[in-house]
Every structure is written in structure tokens, then in C-alpha cells.
N, C-alpha and C. Protein backbone atom coordinates (compact mmCIF):
# COMPACT_ATOMS: atom_id res chain seq x y z
N MET A 1 -23.27 -32.58 -68.50
CA MET A 1 -22.29 -32.11 -67.52
C MET A 1 -21.56 -33.25 -67.09
N THR A 2 -20.14 -33.12 -67.13
CA THR A 2 -19.29 -34.25 -66.79
C THR A 2 -18.38 -33.68 -65.60
N TYR A 3 -18.11 -34.61 -64.77
CA TYR A 3 -17.36 -34.31 -63.61
C TYR A 3 -16.02 -35.09 -63.76
N GLU A 4 -14.88 -34.49 -63.54
CA GLU A 4 -13.65 -35.13 -63.45
C GLU A 4 -13.45 -35.82 -62.11
N LYS A 5 -12.96 -36.98 -62.11
CA LYS A 5 -12.59 -37.69 -60.90
C LYS A 5 -11.32 -37.24 -60.40
N ILE A 6 -11.29 -36.79 -59.16
CA ILE A 6 -10.00 -36.38 -58.52
C ILE A 6 -9.36 -37.64 -57.91
N PRO A 7 -8.16 -37.90 -58.28
CA PRO A 7 -7.52 -39.10 -57.74
C PRO A 7 -7.35 -39.00 -56.26
N ILE A 8 -7.48 -40.18 -55.60
CA ILE A 8 -7.35 -40.23 -54.18
C ILE A 8 -5.97 -39.78 -53.68
N VAL A 9 -4.99 -40.04 -54.51
CA VAL A 9 -3.58 -39.69 -54.09
C VAL A 9 -3.49 -38.07 -53.99
N SER A 10 -4.21 -37.33 -54.86
CA SER A 10 -4.20 -35.93 -54.75
C SER A 10 -4.87 -35.46 -53.47
N ILE A 11 -5.92 -36.07 -53.08
CA ILE A 11 -6.67 -35.67 -51.92
C ILE A 11 -5.81 -35.97 -50.70
N LEU A 12 -5.22 -37.11 -50.65
CA LEU A 12 -4.35 -37.50 -49.50
C LEU A 12 -3.09 -36.64 -49.42
N THR A 13 -2.65 -36.22 -50.58
CA THR A 13 -1.42 -35.29 -50.57
C THR A 13 -1.79 -34.00 -50.00
N PHE A 14 -3.01 -33.45 -50.41
CA PHE A 14 -3.47 -32.17 -49.84
C PHE A 14 -3.67 -32.23 -48.39
N PHE A 15 -4.33 -33.23 -47.88
CA PHE A 15 -4.65 -33.30 -46.45
C PHE A 15 -3.35 -33.61 -45.58
N SER A 16 -2.40 -34.34 -46.10
CA SER A 16 -1.22 -34.53 -45.38
C SER A 16 -0.31 -33.23 -45.36
N THR A 17 -0.38 -32.54 -46.41
CA THR A 17 0.38 -31.27 -46.46
C THR A 17 -0.29 -30.27 -45.53
N PHE A 18 -1.66 -30.18 -45.55
CA PHE A 18 -2.38 -29.35 -44.63
C PHE A 18 -2.10 -29.63 -43.25
N ILE A 19 -2.06 -30.90 -42.83
CA ILE A 19 -1.78 -31.30 -41.47
C ILE A 19 -0.33 -30.95 -41.02
N LEU A 20 0.60 -31.15 -41.97
CA LEU A 20 1.89 -30.84 -41.62
C LEU A 20 2.11 -29.29 -41.43
N VAL A 21 1.44 -28.58 -42.30
CA VAL A 21 1.54 -27.03 -42.12
C VAL A 21 0.88 -26.63 -40.79
N VAL A 22 -0.17 -27.20 -40.44
CA VAL A 22 -0.90 -26.87 -39.15
C VAL A 22 0.03 -27.24 -37.99
N PHE A 23 0.61 -28.44 -37.99
CA PHE A 23 1.55 -28.83 -36.94
C PHE A 23 2.77 -27.94 -36.86
N PHE A 24 3.31 -27.55 -37.96
CA PHE A 24 4.54 -26.72 -37.97
C PHE A 24 4.12 -25.24 -37.46
N GLY A 25 2.94 -24.77 -37.89
CA GLY A 25 2.52 -23.51 -37.35
C GLY A 25 2.31 -23.58 -35.90
N LEU A 26 1.68 -24.61 -35.39
CA LEU A 26 1.58 -24.84 -33.89
C LEU A 26 2.79 -24.90 -33.22
N TYR A 27 3.80 -25.59 -33.77
CA TYR A 27 5.09 -25.72 -33.13
C TYR A 27 5.79 -24.31 -33.08
N ILE A 28 5.68 -23.47 -34.12
CA ILE A 28 6.30 -22.21 -34.13
C ILE A 28 5.64 -21.30 -33.09
N PHE A 29 4.33 -21.32 -33.01
CA PHE A 29 3.55 -20.55 -32.09
C PHE A 29 3.90 -20.96 -30.65
N LEU A 30 3.99 -22.36 -30.34
CA LEU A 30 4.34 -22.75 -28.99
C LEU A 30 5.79 -22.28 -28.63
N THR A 31 6.60 -22.35 -29.62
CA THR A 31 8.08 -21.99 -29.31
C THR A 31 8.14 -20.57 -28.85
N PHE A 32 7.45 -19.61 -29.48
CA PHE A 32 7.44 -18.30 -29.01
C PHE A 32 6.65 -18.16 -27.73
N TYR A 33 5.51 -18.79 -27.60
CA TYR A 33 4.72 -18.67 -26.37
C TYR A 33 5.53 -19.26 -25.13
N ASN A 34 6.21 -20.35 -25.38
CA ASN A 34 6.97 -20.97 -24.23
C ASN A 34 8.19 -20.06 -23.91
N LYS A 35 8.73 -19.36 -24.89
CA LYS A 35 9.87 -18.54 -24.55
C LYS A 35 9.36 -17.36 -23.64
N ARG A 36 8.22 -16.80 -23.94
CA ARG A 36 7.69 -15.72 -23.20
C ARG A 36 7.35 -16.11 -21.84
N THR A 37 6.71 -17.33 -21.67
CA THR A 37 6.35 -17.82 -20.43
C THR A 37 7.48 -18.27 -19.61
N ARG A 38 8.48 -18.76 -20.20
CA ARG A 38 9.74 -19.19 -19.45
C ARG A 38 10.45 -17.99 -18.93
N THR A 39 10.41 -16.80 -19.59
CA THR A 39 10.99 -15.63 -19.14
C THR A 39 10.23 -15.21 -17.80
N ALA A 40 8.91 -15.23 -17.81
CA ALA A 40 8.15 -14.85 -16.66
C ALA A 40 8.45 -15.85 -15.51
N THR A 41 8.54 -17.10 -15.85
CA THR A 41 8.80 -18.13 -14.75
C THR A 41 10.20 -17.94 -14.15
N GLU A 42 11.21 -17.64 -15.03
CA GLU A 42 12.48 -17.53 -14.56
C GLU A 42 12.66 -16.23 -13.56
N LYS A 43 11.92 -15.19 -13.95
CA LYS A 43 11.83 -13.96 -13.13
C LYS A 43 11.16 -14.32 -11.80
N PHE A 44 10.09 -15.07 -11.84
CA PHE A 44 9.41 -15.39 -10.64
C PHE A 44 10.34 -16.27 -9.74
N ILE A 45 11.08 -17.25 -10.26
CA ILE A 45 11.98 -18.11 -9.55
C ILE A 45 13.01 -17.33 -8.86
N LYS A 46 13.61 -16.34 -9.55
CA LYS A 46 14.65 -15.48 -8.95
C LYS A 46 14.11 -14.70 -7.75
N GLN A 47 12.87 -14.18 -7.91
CA GLN A 47 12.21 -13.48 -6.77
C GLN A 47 11.89 -14.42 -5.68
N ALA A 48 11.51 -15.62 -5.98
CA ALA A 48 11.13 -16.57 -4.95
C ALA A 48 12.23 -17.07 -4.08
N LYS A 49 13.45 -17.20 -4.70
CA LYS A 49 14.62 -17.65 -3.99
C LYS A 49 14.91 -16.85 -2.83
N ASP A 50 14.69 -15.47 -3.02
CA ASP A 50 15.04 -14.58 -1.91
C ASP A 50 14.02 -14.75 -0.69
N LEU A 51 12.88 -15.24 -0.96
CA LEU A 51 11.82 -15.40 0.00
C LEU A 51 11.84 -16.74 0.68
N SER A 52 12.64 -17.62 0.21
CA SER A 52 12.84 -18.98 0.70
C SER A 52 11.48 -19.73 0.96
N PRO A 53 10.79 -20.04 -0.15
CA PRO A 53 9.48 -20.83 0.02
C PRO A 53 9.71 -22.35 0.18
N THR A 54 8.66 -23.09 0.55
CA THR A 54 8.62 -24.44 0.55
C THR A 54 8.20 -24.84 -0.90
N VAL A 55 9.00 -25.70 -1.47
CA VAL A 55 8.72 -26.07 -2.92
C VAL A 55 8.34 -27.52 -2.95
N PHE A 56 7.22 -27.80 -3.71
CA PHE A 56 6.84 -29.16 -4.07
C PHE A 56 6.98 -29.33 -5.55
N GLN A 57 7.76 -30.25 -6.00
CA GLN A 57 7.94 -30.43 -7.46
C GLN A 57 7.22 -31.57 -8.04
N SER A 58 6.84 -31.39 -9.30
CA SER A 58 6.21 -32.36 -10.10
C SER A 58 4.88 -33.00 -9.50
N ILE A 59 3.99 -32.06 -9.15
CA ILE A 59 2.68 -32.47 -8.59
C ILE A 59 1.68 -32.60 -9.75
N LYS A 60 0.90 -33.68 -9.71
CA LYS A 60 -0.11 -33.76 -10.78
C LYS A 60 -1.22 -32.79 -10.49
N LEU A 61 -1.73 -32.31 -11.57
CA LEU A 61 -2.74 -31.20 -11.46
C LEU A 61 -3.83 -31.40 -12.48
N ARG A 62 -5.08 -31.13 -11.99
CA ARG A 62 -6.17 -31.11 -12.92
C ARG A 62 -6.60 -29.70 -12.91
N TYR A 63 -6.62 -29.00 -14.06
CA TYR A 63 -6.89 -27.54 -14.20
C TYR A 63 -8.11 -27.37 -15.22
N TRP A 64 -9.15 -26.76 -14.67
CA TRP A 64 -10.29 -26.39 -15.59
C TRP A 64 -10.65 -24.94 -15.42
N THR A 65 -10.96 -24.31 -16.54
CA THR A 65 -11.45 -22.94 -16.51
C THR A 65 -12.83 -22.98 -17.08
N THR A 66 -13.66 -22.06 -16.36
CA THR A 66 -14.96 -21.89 -16.82
C THR A 66 -15.35 -20.48 -16.98
N SER A 67 -15.98 -20.15 -18.20
CA SER A 67 -16.33 -18.76 -18.43
C SER A 67 -17.68 -18.90 -18.98
N GLY A 68 -18.68 -18.57 -18.16
CA GLY A 68 -20.18 -18.69 -18.57
C GLY A 68 -20.44 -20.22 -18.67
N LEU A 69 -20.88 -20.59 -19.81
CA LEU A 69 -21.19 -21.98 -20.09
C LEU A 69 -20.08 -22.70 -20.74
N ARG A 70 -19.02 -22.06 -21.02
CA ARG A 70 -17.82 -22.66 -21.72
C ARG A 70 -16.83 -23.19 -20.75
N LYS A 71 -16.48 -24.46 -20.89
CA LYS A 71 -15.52 -25.04 -19.88
C LYS A 71 -14.31 -25.59 -20.68
N GLN A 72 -13.11 -25.20 -20.18
CA GLN A 72 -11.85 -25.71 -20.88
C GLN A 72 -11.20 -26.67 -19.96
N ILE A 73 -10.78 -27.79 -20.40
CA ILE A 73 -10.03 -28.80 -19.62
C ILE A 73 -8.68 -28.84 -20.19
N TYR A 74 -7.69 -28.69 -19.30
CA TYR A 74 -6.30 -28.83 -19.66
C TYR A 74 -5.70 -30.14 -19.22
N PRO A 75 -5.61 -31.11 -20.13
CA PRO A 75 -5.19 -32.47 -19.70
C PRO A 75 -3.62 -32.54 -19.47
N ASP A 76 -3.20 -33.59 -18.74
CA ASP A 76 -1.87 -33.97 -18.57
C ASP A 76 -0.95 -32.81 -18.00
N ASN A 77 -1.42 -32.19 -16.95
CA ASN A 77 -0.67 -31.09 -16.21
C ASN A 77 0.19 -31.59 -15.10
N LEU A 78 1.35 -30.89 -14.99
CA LEU A 78 2.22 -31.10 -13.83
C LEU A 78 2.48 -29.72 -13.36
N CYS A 79 2.81 -29.61 -12.13
CA CYS A 79 3.16 -28.27 -11.61
C CYS A 79 4.13 -28.32 -10.45
N ASP A 80 4.72 -27.20 -10.20
CA ASP A 80 5.61 -27.00 -9.09
C ASP A 80 4.87 -26.01 -8.18
N LEU A 81 4.81 -26.28 -6.88
CA LEU A 81 4.10 -25.47 -5.92
C LEU A 81 5.20 -24.71 -5.15
N TYR A 82 4.93 -23.36 -4.91
CA TYR A 82 5.82 -22.59 -4.14
C TYR A 82 5.00 -22.03 -3.00
N LEU A 83 5.19 -22.49 -1.79
CA LEU A 83 4.33 -22.20 -0.63
C LEU A 83 5.10 -21.14 0.18
N PHE A 84 4.59 -19.90 0.21
CA PHE A 84 5.15 -18.80 1.05
C PHE A 84 4.29 -18.58 2.28
N GLU A 85 4.67 -17.65 3.11
CA GLU A 85 3.79 -17.37 4.26
C GLU A 85 2.40 -16.85 4.01
N ASN A 86 2.19 -16.08 2.91
CA ASN A 86 0.84 -15.55 2.64
C ASN A 86 0.35 -15.84 1.20
N CYS A 87 1.13 -16.72 0.43
CA CYS A 87 0.61 -16.94 -0.84
C CYS A 87 1.15 -18.31 -1.30
N LEU A 88 0.46 -18.82 -2.31
CA LEU A 88 0.84 -20.19 -2.88
C LEU A 88 1.00 -19.86 -4.46
N ALA A 89 2.12 -20.17 -5.01
CA ALA A 89 2.39 -20.03 -6.42
C ALA A 89 2.37 -21.34 -7.16
N ILE A 90 1.65 -21.36 -8.32
CA ILE A 90 1.57 -22.64 -9.12
C ILE A 90 2.20 -22.37 -10.41
N VAL A 91 3.28 -23.06 -10.65
CA VAL A 91 4.01 -23.02 -11.94
C VAL A 91 3.70 -24.28 -12.68
N ARG A 92 2.83 -24.18 -13.75
CA ARG A 92 2.29 -25.41 -14.47
C ARG A 92 2.87 -25.56 -15.82
N ARG A 93 2.87 -26.75 -16.23
CA ARG A 93 3.30 -27.12 -17.61
C ARG A 93 2.39 -28.32 -18.01
N GLN A 94 2.22 -28.41 -19.30
CA GLN A 94 1.34 -29.46 -19.85
C GLN A 94 2.05 -30.19 -20.94
N ASP A 95 1.99 -31.49 -20.83
CA ASP A 95 2.57 -32.40 -21.85
C ASP A 95 1.36 -33.15 -22.51
N PHE A 96 1.12 -32.56 -23.63
CA PHE A 96 -0.08 -33.27 -24.43
C PHE A 96 0.49 -33.67 -25.72
N ILE A 97 0.42 -32.89 -26.76
CA ILE A 97 0.99 -33.19 -28.05
C ILE A 97 2.41 -32.51 -28.06
N PHE A 98 2.49 -31.35 -27.65
CA PHE A 98 3.77 -30.59 -27.39
C PHE A 98 3.81 -30.14 -26.03
N LYS A 99 4.99 -29.85 -25.50
CA LYS A 99 5.13 -29.31 -24.10
C LYS A 99 4.81 -27.97 -24.09
N VAL A 100 3.84 -27.50 -23.22
CA VAL A 100 3.53 -26.08 -23.11
C VAL A 100 3.71 -25.60 -21.67
N PHE A 101 4.32 -24.51 -21.59
CA PHE A 101 4.62 -23.81 -20.25
C PHE A 101 3.62 -22.78 -20.07
N PHE A 102 3.17 -22.53 -18.81
CA PHE A 102 2.26 -21.43 -18.50
C PHE A 102 2.91 -20.55 -17.36
N ALA A 103 2.63 -19.30 -17.47
CA ALA A 103 3.14 -18.33 -16.50
C ALA A 103 2.64 -18.74 -15.10
N PRO A 104 3.38 -18.48 -14.03
CA PRO A 104 2.83 -18.78 -12.75
C PRO A 104 1.67 -17.97 -12.28
N ILE A 105 0.90 -18.53 -11.51
CA ILE A 105 -0.28 -17.82 -10.88
C ILE A 105 -0.16 -17.91 -9.41
N ILE A 106 -0.62 -16.88 -8.78
CA ILE A 106 -0.44 -16.71 -7.34
C ILE A 106 -1.79 -16.80 -6.71
N LEU A 107 -1.97 -17.55 -5.61
CA LEU A 107 -3.17 -17.69 -4.74
C LEU A 107 -2.83 -17.08 -3.44
N THR A 108 -3.76 -16.15 -3.02
CA THR A 108 -3.44 -15.41 -1.73
C THR A 108 -4.76 -14.94 -1.20
N SER A 109 -4.63 -14.53 0.18
CA SER A 109 -5.75 -13.85 0.77
C SER A 109 -5.61 -12.29 0.60
N ASP A 110 -4.44 -11.76 0.39
CA ASP A 110 -4.24 -10.34 0.37
C ASP A 110 -3.55 -10.09 -1.02
N ILE A 111 -4.47 -9.72 -2.02
CA ILE A 111 -3.99 -9.52 -3.41
C ILE A 111 -3.05 -8.33 -3.50
N LEU A 112 -3.37 -7.30 -2.83
CA LEU A 112 -2.50 -6.12 -3.00
C LEU A 112 -1.11 -6.22 -2.46
N ALA A 113 -0.96 -6.89 -1.38
CA ALA A 113 0.43 -7.08 -0.89
C ALA A 113 1.17 -8.07 -1.75
N THR A 114 0.50 -9.04 -2.20
CA THR A 114 1.15 -10.00 -3.12
C THR A 114 1.48 -9.36 -4.50
N LYS A 115 0.62 -8.49 -4.99
CA LYS A 115 0.86 -7.81 -6.31
C LYS A 115 2.11 -6.90 -6.11
N ASN A 116 2.35 -6.44 -4.98
CA ASN A 116 3.58 -5.59 -4.77
C ASN A 116 4.82 -6.43 -4.89
N MET A 117 4.71 -7.76 -4.44
CA MET A 117 5.91 -8.65 -4.56
C MET A 117 6.05 -9.19 -6.00
N PHE A 118 4.98 -9.57 -6.54
CA PHE A 118 4.97 -10.31 -7.94
C PHE A 118 4.05 -9.51 -8.82
N ASP A 119 4.49 -8.37 -9.29
CA ASP A 119 3.66 -7.46 -10.02
C ASP A 119 3.33 -7.94 -11.45
N ASN A 120 4.11 -8.85 -12.01
CA ASN A 120 3.94 -9.30 -13.36
C ASN A 120 3.05 -10.59 -13.47
N LEU A 121 2.57 -11.13 -12.38
CA LEU A 121 1.82 -12.39 -12.46
C LEU A 121 0.36 -12.24 -12.15
N ASP A 122 -0.42 -13.17 -12.58
CA ASP A 122 -1.87 -13.15 -12.26
C ASP A 122 -1.97 -13.61 -10.84
N THR A 123 -2.76 -12.90 -10.06
CA THR A 123 -3.05 -13.16 -8.62
C THR A 123 -4.51 -13.35 -8.44
N TYR A 124 -4.81 -14.37 -7.71
CA TYR A 124 -6.24 -14.71 -7.38
C TYR A 124 -6.52 -14.88 -5.94
N LYS A 125 -7.66 -14.61 -5.44
CA LYS A 125 -8.08 -14.85 -4.05
C LYS A 125 -8.84 -16.11 -4.14
N LEU A 126 -8.59 -16.97 -3.19
CA LEU A 126 -9.20 -18.28 -3.03
C LEU A 126 -10.72 -18.10 -2.68
N ASP A 127 -11.60 -18.88 -3.42
CA ASP A 127 -12.98 -18.90 -3.00
C ASP A 127 -13.25 -20.04 -2.00
N ARG A 128 -12.72 -21.20 -2.35
CA ARG A 128 -12.98 -22.39 -1.58
C ARG A 128 -11.86 -23.30 -1.76
N ILE A 129 -11.47 -23.94 -0.61
CA ILE A 129 -10.44 -24.97 -0.66
C ILE A 129 -10.99 -26.21 0.05
N THR A 130 -10.82 -27.39 -0.44
CA THR A 130 -11.25 -28.61 0.19
C THR A 130 -10.18 -29.66 0.23
N PHE A 131 -9.85 -30.16 1.40
CA PHE A 131 -8.87 -31.24 1.58
C PHE A 131 -9.77 -32.46 1.64
N LYS A 132 -9.58 -33.34 0.68
CA LYS A 132 -10.39 -34.50 0.60
C LYS A 132 -9.98 -35.54 1.55
N LYS A 133 -10.98 -36.00 2.31
CA LYS A 133 -10.68 -37.05 3.33
C LYS A 133 -10.78 -38.43 2.76
N ILE A 134 -11.68 -38.68 1.72
CA ILE A 134 -11.82 -39.98 1.18
C ILE A 134 -10.75 -40.28 0.24
N VAL A 135 -10.31 -39.35 -0.63
CA VAL A 135 -9.15 -39.66 -1.51
C VAL A 135 -7.99 -38.90 -0.88
N LYS A 136 -7.09 -39.61 -0.33
CA LYS A 136 -5.90 -39.12 0.29
C LYS A 136 -4.96 -38.42 -0.66
N GLY A 137 -4.45 -37.33 -0.32
CA GLY A 137 -3.43 -36.64 -1.16
C GLY A 137 -4.02 -35.73 -2.27
N GLU A 138 -5.27 -35.47 -2.16
CA GLU A 138 -5.95 -34.46 -3.14
C GLU A 138 -6.40 -33.30 -2.43
N VAL A 139 -6.25 -32.13 -3.09
CA VAL A 139 -6.75 -30.89 -2.62
C VAL A 139 -7.49 -30.14 -3.73
N ASP A 140 -8.67 -29.66 -3.57
CA ASP A 140 -9.47 -29.01 -4.49
C ASP A 140 -9.43 -27.53 -4.16
N ILE A 141 -9.23 -26.73 -5.07
CA ILE A 141 -9.18 -25.22 -4.97
C ILE A 141 -10.18 -24.58 -5.96
N LYS A 142 -10.94 -23.71 -5.59
CA LYS A 142 -11.76 -22.97 -6.53
C LYS A 142 -11.40 -21.46 -6.41
N LEU A 143 -11.30 -20.96 -7.64
CA LEU A 143 -10.89 -19.50 -7.72
C LEU A 143 -11.91 -18.74 -8.57
N THR A 144 -12.06 -17.41 -8.34
CA THR A 144 -12.91 -16.63 -9.22
C THR A 144 -12.02 -15.40 -9.55
N ASP A 145 -11.96 -14.98 -10.75
CA ASP A 145 -11.24 -13.80 -11.13
C ASP A 145 -11.80 -12.59 -10.55
N SER A 146 -10.92 -11.68 -9.93
CA SER A 146 -11.44 -10.51 -9.21
C SER A 146 -12.01 -9.52 -10.17
N ILE A 147 -11.66 -9.47 -11.37
CA ILE A 147 -12.13 -8.57 -12.30
C ILE A 147 -13.38 -9.08 -13.15
N TYR A 148 -13.18 -10.28 -13.65
CA TYR A 148 -14.17 -10.93 -14.55
C TYR A 148 -14.86 -12.08 -13.59
N LYS A 149 -15.93 -11.69 -12.92
CA LYS A 149 -16.57 -12.58 -11.94
C LYS A 149 -17.02 -13.83 -12.52
N HIS A 150 -17.36 -13.94 -13.89
CA HIS A 150 -17.95 -15.06 -14.49
C HIS A 150 -16.85 -16.09 -14.84
N TYR A 151 -15.53 -15.73 -14.69
CA TYR A 151 -14.43 -16.61 -15.02
C TYR A 151 -13.94 -17.28 -13.74
N THR A 152 -14.04 -18.61 -13.72
CA THR A 152 -13.66 -19.41 -12.52
C THR A 152 -12.52 -20.41 -12.97
N ILE A 153 -11.77 -20.85 -11.97
CA ILE A 153 -10.73 -21.85 -12.19
C ILE A 153 -10.92 -22.88 -11.12
N ASP A 154 -11.05 -24.14 -11.48
CA ASP A 154 -11.02 -25.24 -10.59
C ASP A 154 -9.70 -26.03 -10.68
N ILE A 155 -8.98 -26.16 -9.59
CA ILE A 155 -7.70 -26.85 -9.55
C ILE A 155 -7.80 -28.05 -8.53
N THR A 156 -7.32 -29.08 -9.02
CA THR A 156 -7.18 -30.23 -8.06
C THR A 156 -5.74 -30.62 -8.08
N LEU A 157 -5.13 -30.65 -6.93
CA LEU A 157 -3.73 -31.13 -6.83
C LEU A 157 -3.81 -32.54 -6.39
N LYS A 158 -3.08 -33.38 -7.11
CA LYS A 158 -3.21 -34.85 -6.87
C LYS A 158 -1.86 -35.45 -6.58
N GLY A 159 -1.93 -36.55 -5.75
CA GLY A 159 -0.71 -37.31 -5.42
C GLY A 159 0.21 -36.64 -4.40
N LEU A 160 -0.42 -35.83 -3.60
CA LEU A 160 0.35 -35.16 -2.49
C LEU A 160 0.60 -36.19 -1.35
N THR A 161 1.82 -36.05 -0.78
CA THR A 161 2.13 -36.93 0.35
C THR A 161 1.41 -36.28 1.62
N SER A 162 1.35 -37.04 2.66
CA SER A 162 0.73 -36.56 3.89
C SER A 162 1.48 -35.37 4.47
N GLU A 163 2.82 -35.37 4.32
CA GLU A 163 3.63 -34.19 4.80
C GLU A 163 3.31 -32.93 3.92
N GLN A 164 3.17 -33.08 2.63
CA GLN A 164 2.80 -31.95 1.77
C GLN A 164 1.41 -31.48 2.12
N THR A 165 0.45 -32.35 2.37
CA THR A 165 -0.85 -31.98 2.64
C THR A 165 -0.89 -31.14 4.03
N ASN A 166 -0.17 -31.68 4.87
CA ASN A 166 -0.10 -30.95 6.19
C ASN A 166 0.50 -29.58 6.05
N GLN A 167 1.51 -29.42 5.24
CA GLN A 167 2.07 -28.10 5.02
C GLN A 167 1.05 -27.19 4.26
N LEU A 168 0.25 -27.68 3.38
CA LEU A 168 -0.76 -26.86 2.74
C LEU A 168 -1.92 -26.54 3.60
N GLU A 169 -2.05 -27.20 4.71
CA GLU A 169 -3.23 -26.94 5.61
C GLU A 169 -3.34 -25.43 5.89
N LYS A 170 -2.18 -24.71 5.98
CA LYS A 170 -2.30 -23.28 6.44
C LYS A 170 -3.03 -22.41 5.44
N ILE A 171 -3.11 -22.92 4.11
CA ILE A 171 -3.90 -22.06 3.19
C ILE A 171 -5.43 -22.09 3.39
N LYS A 172 -5.81 -23.02 4.24
CA LYS A 172 -7.30 -22.99 4.59
C LYS A 172 -7.83 -21.70 5.07
N ASN A 173 -6.97 -21.08 5.83
CA ASN A 173 -7.40 -19.70 6.43
C ASN A 173 -7.32 -18.59 5.50
N TRP A 174 -6.94 -18.84 4.30
CA TRP A 174 -6.89 -17.74 3.33
C TRP A 174 -8.27 -17.53 2.65
N CYS A 175 -9.19 -18.42 2.73
CA CYS A 175 -10.51 -18.21 2.12
C CYS A 175 -11.28 -17.09 2.75
């Protein structure tokens, strides 16, 4: 029984072609995904302008989702916060390998009233919010999905100024 040796050039060509095809497929997928989420974000921003929220732009964000024992970490997130009288909207984007945009999420104490205003967005009720005293400018938020109780989201807003932290103090009462 004889085996033919496969030249290393053929192996490298195969793997480089495979990697290029995967990156191209990922690029095409993200292009369509970003287009869909940008449409939702633009619709939200048009609705939000009428309600004149307080806007914080380019806030650093740590975003983790947990489902059972599985935890997903989303690195390199930035977000814009829209603070309304009865809700907080987070419009996040991720710069990792490619730029990824996510549809806005709404945090509120009254889900039904907020769903009437923003019917096309995911709306969550706050479980717990912590304003860190040791690390200035950080706010921890914990959410649980109202339908799927095993699905939780941990959000940490980082690099907030003292003025922004003071304005966010009113969401403590939403828990």
C-alpha cells in the first residue's frame, strides 16, 4: 500500500481559499444583518426624536448573555443611551473583526406602556441595577427575559461622567 504525498502548497492553498470563502460569507451575512438592524434603529430614532430623550453617545459597554449554563460575551461594544421618563433604550454596536449593529433594546418598569410606544423592539424589565461606588462611572444592570426566564443579560455601562451617572439615578426606582 503506497500513499501519495500531498504537497504543502496544495494544503495551504485549500486552507487559504477556505478562510477567504468563510470571511466573504460572514461579510455578506453581516451586510444584510446590519441593513435590517439599521432600519430598526432608524425607525427608533425617528420615534425617539418626538419624545426628546436625554442622549449619551459612545458609552463603553460590557454585554453578556446567559442561557442556562451557556454564556456569550460580546467584546468591544459601544452604545448610545436614550433616557426617557419611563424607559432607557440601548442602541449598541460592536467593533470586533467586522462592525456589527444590533437592534435597540428597551429597559423599563412598565413593559406594556413601553411596548405601545416601541412595538418593534425587545423590551425588558430590570431585575437589578447597581451604581458602583468603588469604580466611578460604572453601572451594572441585570435583566431577565419575561418569556424565557432562563435567559439573562448582564450589562455594564463604563466610562460614564458623574453628570451622566446622576441622570441615570432615576432608573433605580424601576426595579
